[in-house]
Each structure stands twice: as C-alpha cells, then as structure tokens.
Amino acid sequence: MANVKLSQEKAYRIMLKKYPDVLDIKQMCEILGISLKTGYGLIQENKIECLKVGRAYRIPKPFLLSYLRIGSSRDSQ
C-alpha cells in the first residue's frame, strides 16, 4: 500500500466523523481498539494528552490525532 499522509483535518472528517469532538475514555479506547486499562495507562504515562473534568478524562480529537501522529509537526521527524 502506498505511503499516504493524511492531514489532521482530513483524518478528523474521515476517520472520526461518527464521534463527538471531545471523546470520553471509552470512545478513545474503541477508536484505538484497546482495553480501558491500556487507555488509562496511556493517559497516566502522558502519551495521550487529555483534559480532566472532575474525575473524568476528556480527549479532544486533535489530541488523539497527535498521538497517532496524523497531521502533527512530528510527522516530518
């Protein structure tokens, strides 16, 4: 398969269109195909940026795309 780079905007519209703009931990784990335990681990290790609202974690879509290195400045490294 060709090495095709998606911009963050295209990935946002194509890959995550059925999800809200700010994800909860369950939605993030569903998207990544990982368990809740692994999702919490990624957040605790600061691998995925998040917002903490009360006791709940919220992950804006751009933070998830940055973790996946889609459309971020880290792509060029």
Protein backbone atom coordinates (compact mmCIF):
# COMPACT_ATOMS: atom_id res chain seq x y z
CA MET A 1 0.00 0.00 0.00
CA ALA A 2 1.24 3.49 -0.82
CA ASN A 3 2.56 5.64 1.99
CA VAL A 4 -0.22 8.25 2.01
CA LYS A 5 -0.15 11.05 4.59
CA LEU A 6 -3.46 12.41 5.82
CA SER A 7 -3.76 15.94 7.07
CA GLN A 8 -5.20 16.29 10.54
CA GLU A 9 -8.28 17.99 9.07
CA LYS A 10 -8.98 15.13 6.63
CA ALA A 11 -8.41 12.49 9.30
CA TYR A 12 -10.74 14.41 11.60
CA ARG A 13 -13.51 14.42 8.98
CA ILE A 14 -12.98 10.91 7.57
CA MET A 15 -11.78 8.67 10.40
CA LEU A 16 -13.61 10.14 13.38
CA LYS A 17 -16.80 11.56 11.88
CA LYS A 18 -19.18 9.42 13.94
CA TYR A 19 -17.62 10.53 17.23
CA PRO A 20 -18.15 13.80 19.15
CA ASP A 21 -15.45 16.49 19.11
CA VAL A 22 -14.42 15.61 22.67
CA LEU A 23 -14.14 11.91 23.44
CA ASP A 24 -14.52 10.07 26.71
CA ILE A 25 -12.11 7.30 27.64
CA LYS A 26 -14.41 4.53 26.33
CA GLN A 27 -14.71 6.18 22.91
CA MET A 28 -10.96 6.71 22.73
CA CYS A 29 -10.34 3.05 23.53
CA GLU A 30 -12.93 1.97 20.96
CA ILE A 31 -11.22 4.04 18.26
CA LEU A 32 -7.78 2.66 19.14
CA GLY A 33 -9.03 -0.90 19.63
CA ILE A 34 -7.52 -1.15 23.12
CA SER A 35 -8.81 -2.03 26.58
CA LEU A 36 -9.82 0.57 29.14
CA LYS A 37 -6.86 -0.45 31.28
CA THR A 38 -4.47 0.23 28.40
CA GLY A 39 -6.24 3.53 27.64
CA TYR A 40 -5.87 4.71 31.22
CA GLY A 41 -2.23 3.63 31.10
CA LEU A 42 -1.57 5.77 28.01
CA ILE A 43 -3.13 8.77 29.75
CA GLN A 44 -1.25 8.20 33.02
CA GLU A 45 2.06 7.92 31.10
CA ASN A 46 1.23 11.22 29.33
CA LYS A 47 1.39 9.55 25.93
CA ILE A 48 -2.06 10.93 25.08
CA GLU A 49 -2.89 14.47 26.16
CA CYS A 50 -6.24 14.89 27.84
CA LEU A 51 -8.39 17.21 29.88
CA LYS A 52 -9.61 16.20 33.31
CA VAL A 53 -13.15 17.32 34.07
CA GLY A 54 -13.97 16.43 37.64
CA ARG A 55 -12.98 12.78 37.89
CA ALA A 56 -13.44 12.07 34.18
CA TYR A 57 -10.91 12.27 31.37
CA ARG A 58 -11.88 14.00 28.11
CA ILE A 59 -9.81 13.69 24.97
CA PRO A 60 -10.33 16.25 22.17
CA LYS A 61 -9.99 14.63 18.74
CA PRO A 62 -6.88 16.68 17.82
CA PHE A 63 -5.09 15.25 20.89
CA LEU A 64 -5.86 11.71 19.69
CA LEU A 65 -4.68 12.53 16.17
CA SER A 66 -1.47 13.97 17.59
CA TYR A 67 -0.89 10.71 19.47
CA LEU A 68 -1.38 8.86 16.19
CA ARG A 69 0.98 11.39 14.56
CA ILE A 70 -1.55 12.37 11.94
CA GLY A 71 -1.05 15.89 10.68
CA SER A 72 1.25 16.84 13.54
CA SER A 73 4.62 18.50 13.26
CA ARG A 74 6.18 15.24 14.46
CA ASP A 75 5.30 13.64 11.07
CA SER A 76 8.33 15.23 9.49
CA GLN A 77 10.75 13.69 12.00
